N, C-alpha and C. Protein backbone atom coordinates (compact mmCIF):
# COMPACT_ATOMS: atom_id res chain seq x y z
N MET A 1 -14.85 -11.13 -9.66
CA MET A 1 -14.43 -10.28 -8.56
C MET A 1 -13.13 -10.78 -7.95
N THR A 2 -12.94 -12.08 -7.90
CA THR A 2 -11.72 -12.63 -7.32
C THR A 2 -10.61 -12.64 -8.36
N GLN A 3 -9.44 -12.20 -7.93
CA GLN A 3 -8.27 -12.22 -8.80
C GLN A 3 -7.31 -13.28 -8.29
N LYS A 4 -6.41 -13.71 -9.17
CA LYS A 4 -5.42 -14.69 -8.77
C LYS A 4 -4.60 -14.13 -7.62
N SER A 5 -4.23 -15.01 -6.71
CA SER A 5 -3.43 -14.61 -5.57
C SER A 5 -1.99 -14.34 -5.98
N PHE A 6 -1.44 -13.28 -5.46
CA PHE A 6 -0.03 -12.99 -5.65
C PHE A 6 0.46 -12.29 -4.40
N ILE A 7 1.76 -12.25 -4.24
CA ILE A 7 2.32 -11.58 -3.08
C ILE A 7 2.64 -10.15 -3.47
N PRO A 8 1.89 -9.20 -2.92
CA PRO A 8 2.12 -7.80 -3.28
C PRO A 8 3.36 -7.24 -2.59
N THR A 9 3.89 -6.17 -3.17
CA THR A 9 5.05 -5.50 -2.59
C THR A 9 4.58 -4.33 -1.75
N HIS A 10 4.93 -4.36 -0.49
CA HIS A 10 4.61 -3.24 0.40
C HIS A 10 5.62 -2.12 0.10
N PRO A 11 5.19 -0.87 0.08
CA PRO A 11 6.13 0.22 -0.21
C PRO A 11 7.27 0.31 0.81
N GLY A 12 7.03 -0.16 2.02
CA GLY A 12 8.08 -0.16 3.03
C GLY A 12 9.28 -0.99 2.61
N GLU A 13 9.02 -2.07 1.88
CA GLU A 13 10.10 -2.92 1.39
C GLU A 13 10.99 -2.15 0.41
N VAL A 14 10.37 -1.38 -0.46
CA VAL A 14 11.12 -0.58 -1.45
C VAL A 14 11.96 0.49 -0.75
N ILE A 15 11.34 1.17 0.21
CA ILE A 15 12.06 2.22 0.94
C ILE A 15 13.21 1.62 1.75
N LYS A 16 12.95 0.51 2.41
CA LYS A 16 13.98 -0.15 3.21
C LYS A 16 15.17 -0.56 2.35
N ASP A 17 14.89 -1.15 1.18
CA ASP A 17 15.96 -1.55 0.26
C ASP A 17 16.78 -0.34 -0.18
N GLU A 18 16.11 0.77 -0.44
CA GLU A 18 16.80 1.99 -0.87
C GLU A 18 17.68 2.54 0.24
N LEU A 19 17.19 2.53 1.47
CA LEU A 19 18.01 3.00 2.60
C LEU A 19 19.25 2.13 2.77
N ILE A 20 19.07 0.82 2.66
CA ILE A 20 20.21 -0.10 2.78
C ILE A 20 21.22 0.18 1.66
N ALA A 21 20.73 0.34 0.44
CA ALA A 21 21.61 0.58 -0.71
C ALA A 21 22.41 1.88 -0.54
N ARG A 22 21.80 2.86 0.11
CA ARG A 22 22.47 4.15 0.29
C ARG A 22 23.24 4.25 1.62
N GLY A 23 23.15 3.22 2.44
CA GLY A 23 23.85 3.23 3.72
C GLY A 23 23.26 4.21 4.72
N ILE A 24 21.96 4.42 4.66
CA ILE A 24 21.28 5.36 5.57
C ILE A 24 20.54 4.56 6.63
N SER A 25 20.73 4.92 7.89
CA SER A 25 20.03 4.20 8.95
C SER A 25 18.57 4.64 9.00
N GLN A 26 17.73 3.73 9.45
CA GLN A 26 16.31 4.03 9.57
C GLN A 26 16.07 5.20 10.53
N LYS A 27 16.79 5.19 11.63
CA LYS A 27 16.61 6.24 12.64
C LYS A 27 17.03 7.60 12.08
N GLU A 28 18.16 7.64 11.41
CA GLU A 28 18.64 8.89 10.80
C GLU A 28 17.63 9.41 9.77
N PHE A 29 17.10 8.50 8.96
CA PHE A 29 16.16 8.91 7.92
C PHE A 29 14.86 9.42 8.53
N ALA A 30 14.35 8.72 9.54
CA ALA A 30 13.12 9.16 10.20
C ALA A 30 13.30 10.57 10.77
N GLN A 31 14.44 10.82 11.37
CA GLN A 31 14.72 12.15 11.91
C GLN A 31 14.77 13.19 10.78
N ARG A 32 15.41 12.84 9.69
CA ARG A 32 15.55 13.77 8.57
C ARG A 32 14.20 14.18 8.00
N ILE A 33 13.27 13.22 7.89
CA ILE A 33 11.97 13.56 7.30
C ILE A 33 10.95 13.97 8.36
N GLY A 34 11.34 13.93 9.62
CA GLY A 34 10.48 14.44 10.69
C GLY A 34 9.32 13.56 11.08
N VAL A 35 9.54 12.25 11.08
CA VAL A 35 8.49 11.33 11.53
C VAL A 35 9.03 10.49 12.69
N PRO A 36 8.15 10.02 13.57
CA PRO A 36 8.61 9.17 14.68
C PRO A 36 9.27 7.89 14.15
N TYR A 37 10.39 7.54 14.77
CA TYR A 37 11.13 6.36 14.34
C TYR A 37 10.27 5.10 14.42
N THR A 38 9.52 4.93 15.50
CA THR A 38 8.72 3.71 15.66
C THR A 38 7.68 3.58 14.54
N MET A 39 7.06 4.69 14.17
CA MET A 39 6.09 4.67 13.08
C MET A 39 6.78 4.29 11.77
N PHE A 40 7.92 4.92 11.51
CA PHE A 40 8.65 4.66 10.27
C PHE A 40 9.12 3.21 10.21
N ASN A 41 9.61 2.69 11.34
CA ASN A 41 10.04 1.30 11.41
C ASN A 41 8.88 0.35 11.12
N ASP A 42 7.69 0.69 11.62
CA ASP A 42 6.51 -0.13 11.34
C ASP A 42 6.18 -0.15 9.85
N ILE A 43 6.37 0.98 9.17
CA ILE A 43 6.14 1.03 7.72
C ILE A 43 7.16 0.14 7.01
N LEU A 44 8.43 0.29 7.37
CA LEU A 44 9.48 -0.49 6.71
C LEU A 44 9.32 -1.98 6.93
N ASN A 45 8.74 -2.35 8.07
CA ASN A 45 8.57 -3.76 8.39
C ASN A 45 7.15 -4.25 8.10
N GLU A 46 6.43 -3.47 7.28
CA GLU A 46 5.13 -3.86 6.74
C GLU A 46 4.05 -4.08 7.79
N ARG A 47 4.17 -3.38 8.92
CA ARG A 47 3.16 -3.48 9.98
C ARG A 47 2.19 -2.30 9.94
N ARG A 48 2.48 -1.32 9.08
CA ARG A 48 1.67 -0.11 8.99
C ARG A 48 1.65 0.35 7.54
N PRO A 49 0.51 0.88 7.10
CA PRO A 49 0.47 1.38 5.72
C PRO A 49 1.21 2.70 5.59
N LEU A 50 1.68 2.97 4.41
CA LEU A 50 2.34 4.23 4.10
C LEU A 50 1.28 5.29 3.83
N SER A 51 1.38 6.43 4.48
CA SER A 51 0.44 7.53 4.23
C SER A 51 0.95 8.38 3.07
N ALA A 52 0.05 9.15 2.49
CA ALA A 52 0.43 10.05 1.40
C ALA A 52 1.44 11.07 1.89
N THR A 53 1.28 11.55 3.11
CA THR A 53 2.21 12.53 3.67
C THR A 53 3.61 11.95 3.78
N THR A 54 3.72 10.76 4.34
CA THR A 54 5.03 10.13 4.48
C THR A 54 5.62 9.82 3.11
N ALA A 55 4.79 9.41 2.17
CA ALA A 55 5.27 9.15 0.80
C ALA A 55 5.89 10.42 0.21
N LEU A 56 5.27 11.56 0.46
CA LEU A 56 5.81 12.83 -0.05
C LEU A 56 7.12 13.18 0.65
N PHE A 57 7.23 12.88 1.94
CA PHE A 57 8.49 13.11 2.65
C PHE A 57 9.60 12.24 2.06
N VAL A 58 9.28 10.98 1.79
CA VAL A 58 10.26 10.06 1.20
C VAL A 58 10.68 10.55 -0.18
N GLU A 59 9.70 10.96 -0.97
CA GLU A 59 10.01 11.49 -2.31
C GLU A 59 10.95 12.68 -2.21
N SER A 60 10.71 13.56 -1.27
CA SER A 60 11.54 14.75 -1.11
C SER A 60 12.97 14.39 -0.72
N ALA A 61 13.13 13.38 0.14
CA ALA A 61 14.46 13.02 0.63
C ALA A 61 15.21 12.06 -0.29
N LEU A 62 14.50 11.13 -0.93
CA LEU A 62 15.17 10.09 -1.72
C LEU A 62 14.92 10.19 -3.22
N GLY A 63 13.91 10.95 -3.61
CA GLY A 63 13.60 11.06 -5.03
C GLY A 63 12.77 9.90 -5.58
N ILE A 64 12.26 9.04 -4.70
CA ILE A 64 11.37 7.96 -5.13
C ILE A 64 9.97 8.55 -5.25
N SER A 65 9.34 8.37 -6.40
CA SER A 65 8.03 8.96 -6.66
C SER A 65 7.00 8.57 -5.59
N ALA A 66 6.37 9.60 -5.00
CA ALA A 66 5.30 9.37 -4.03
C ALA A 66 4.13 8.66 -4.70
N ASP A 67 3.88 8.98 -5.98
CA ASP A 67 2.80 8.32 -6.71
C ASP A 67 3.08 6.82 -6.86
N LEU A 68 4.32 6.47 -7.14
CA LEU A 68 4.69 5.06 -7.24
C LEU A 68 4.49 4.36 -5.90
N LEU A 69 4.97 4.99 -4.83
CA LEU A 69 4.84 4.39 -3.50
C LEU A 69 3.38 4.22 -3.10
N MET A 70 2.54 5.21 -3.41
CA MET A 70 1.13 5.11 -3.05
C MET A 70 0.42 4.08 -3.92
N GLY A 71 0.86 3.93 -5.17
CA GLY A 71 0.32 2.87 -6.02
C GLY A 71 0.63 1.49 -5.45
N LEU A 72 1.87 1.33 -4.97
CA LEU A 72 2.25 0.07 -4.32
C LEU A 72 1.39 -0.17 -3.09
N GLN A 73 1.16 0.89 -2.31
CA GLN A 73 0.35 0.74 -1.10
C GLN A 73 -1.07 0.32 -1.45
N ALA A 74 -1.65 0.96 -2.47
CA ALA A 74 -3.02 0.61 -2.88
C ALA A 74 -3.08 -0.84 -3.35
N ASP A 75 -2.12 -1.26 -4.16
CA ASP A 75 -2.08 -2.64 -4.64
C ASP A 75 -1.92 -3.61 -3.47
N TYR A 76 -1.04 -3.27 -2.52
CA TYR A 76 -0.79 -4.11 -1.36
C TYR A 76 -2.06 -4.26 -0.52
N THR A 77 -2.71 -3.14 -0.27
CA THR A 77 -3.92 -3.15 0.55
C THR A 77 -5.02 -3.97 -0.12
N MET A 78 -5.25 -3.74 -1.43
CA MET A 78 -6.31 -4.47 -2.13
C MET A 78 -6.02 -5.97 -2.17
N GLN A 79 -4.80 -6.35 -2.48
CA GLN A 79 -4.50 -7.77 -2.57
C GLN A 79 -4.56 -8.43 -1.20
N THR A 80 -4.14 -7.73 -0.16
CA THR A 80 -4.24 -8.27 1.19
C THR A 80 -5.69 -8.54 1.54
N MET A 81 -6.58 -7.61 1.18
CA MET A 81 -8.00 -7.80 1.45
C MET A 81 -8.59 -8.90 0.58
N ARG A 82 -8.15 -9.01 -0.67
CA ARG A 82 -8.64 -10.08 -1.55
C ARG A 82 -8.23 -11.45 -1.02
N ASN A 83 -7.14 -11.52 -0.29
CA ASN A 83 -6.66 -12.78 0.27
C ASN A 83 -7.23 -13.06 1.65
N ASP A 84 -8.00 -12.15 2.20
CA ASP A 84 -8.56 -12.30 3.55
C ASP A 84 -9.80 -13.19 3.50
N ALA A 85 -9.72 -14.36 4.11
CA ALA A 85 -10.80 -15.35 4.05
C ALA A 85 -12.09 -14.82 4.67
N GLU A 86 -12.02 -14.16 5.79
CA GLU A 86 -13.23 -13.64 6.44
C GLU A 86 -13.91 -12.59 5.57
N LEU A 87 -13.13 -11.70 4.97
CA LEU A 87 -13.72 -10.70 4.08
C LEU A 87 -14.36 -11.38 2.88
N GLN A 88 -13.71 -12.36 2.31
CA GLN A 88 -14.27 -13.07 1.16
C GLN A 88 -15.59 -13.75 1.53
N ARG A 89 -15.66 -14.31 2.73
CA ARG A 89 -16.90 -14.93 3.20
C ARG A 89 -18.01 -13.89 3.25
N ARG A 90 -17.72 -12.73 3.80
CA ARG A 90 -18.73 -11.66 3.89
C ARG A 90 -19.13 -11.14 2.51
N LEU A 91 -18.17 -11.03 1.59
CA LEU A 91 -18.48 -10.54 0.24
C LEU A 91 -19.40 -11.50 -0.50
N ARG A 92 -19.23 -12.81 -0.28
CA ARG A 92 -20.08 -13.78 -0.96
C ARG A 92 -21.54 -13.67 -0.53
N LYS A 93 -21.78 -13.11 0.65
CA LYS A 93 -23.15 -12.96 1.16
C LYS A 93 -23.87 -11.74 0.57
N ILE A 94 -23.15 -10.87 -0.11
CA ILE A 94 -23.75 -9.65 -0.65
C ILE A 94 -24.40 -9.95 -1.99
N SER A 95 -25.66 -9.57 -2.11
CA SER A 95 -26.38 -9.73 -3.38
C SER A 95 -26.15 -8.49 -4.23
N PRO A 96 -25.56 -8.64 -5.41
CA PRO A 96 -25.31 -7.46 -6.25
C PRO A 96 -26.61 -6.94 -6.87
N TYR A 97 -26.65 -5.64 -7.11
CA TYR A 97 -27.76 -5.04 -7.84
C TYR A 97 -27.60 -5.41 -9.31
N SER A 98 -28.70 -5.51 -10.01
CA SER A 98 -28.63 -5.75 -11.45
C SER A 98 -28.50 -4.41 -12.16
N ALA A 99 -27.98 -4.45 -13.38
CA ALA A 99 -27.78 -3.23 -14.15
C ALA A 99 -29.13 -2.64 -14.57
N PRO A 100 -29.23 -1.30 -14.58
CA PRO A 100 -30.46 -0.68 -15.06
C PRO A 100 -30.69 -1.06 -16.53
N ALA A 101 -31.95 -1.12 -16.90
CA ALA A 101 -32.30 -1.49 -18.28
C ALA A 101 -31.63 -0.55 -19.26
N GLY A 102 -31.04 -1.12 -20.29
CA GLY A 102 -30.40 -0.33 -21.34
C GLY A 102 -28.98 0.12 -21.04
N LEU A 103 -28.47 -0.14 -19.85
CA LEU A 103 -27.12 0.27 -19.48
C LEU A 103 -26.27 -0.98 -19.34
N PRO A 104 -25.18 -1.09 -20.10
CA PRO A 104 -24.32 -2.27 -19.98
C PRO A 104 -23.73 -2.38 -18.57
N ALA A 105 -23.61 -3.58 -18.08
CA ALA A 105 -23.10 -3.81 -16.72
C ALA A 105 -21.70 -3.26 -16.55
N SER A 106 -20.91 -3.20 -17.61
CA SER A 106 -19.53 -2.70 -17.51
C SER A 106 -19.47 -1.21 -17.23
N ARG A 107 -20.57 -0.49 -17.38
CA ARG A 107 -20.60 0.96 -17.15
C ARG A 107 -20.90 1.29 -15.69
N ILE A 108 -21.19 0.29 -14.89
CA ILE A 108 -21.55 0.55 -13.50
C ILE A 108 -20.32 0.57 -12.64
């Protein structure tokens, strides 16, 4: 269940790098896609997760795949939780169910 620790990439980092490369201010971009600047700034600074809606807005404005951004968000969220000591402590206390007779455990 435990995977090796790595530092995941938050989608906000990718979006922020793209805005810098294109010379677009965060405030201007937030206005263009119709989201509050403070919310958008929190995403770019990795304090808030990227929603599917905002990912689609970014895709529409910058051409960065919303699917790619949401994949990064899912990876970031899962790895952050895998690295959370309190969550790991709670997970160790859970007794797993055994596989039903005749069904390989990998099918569950």
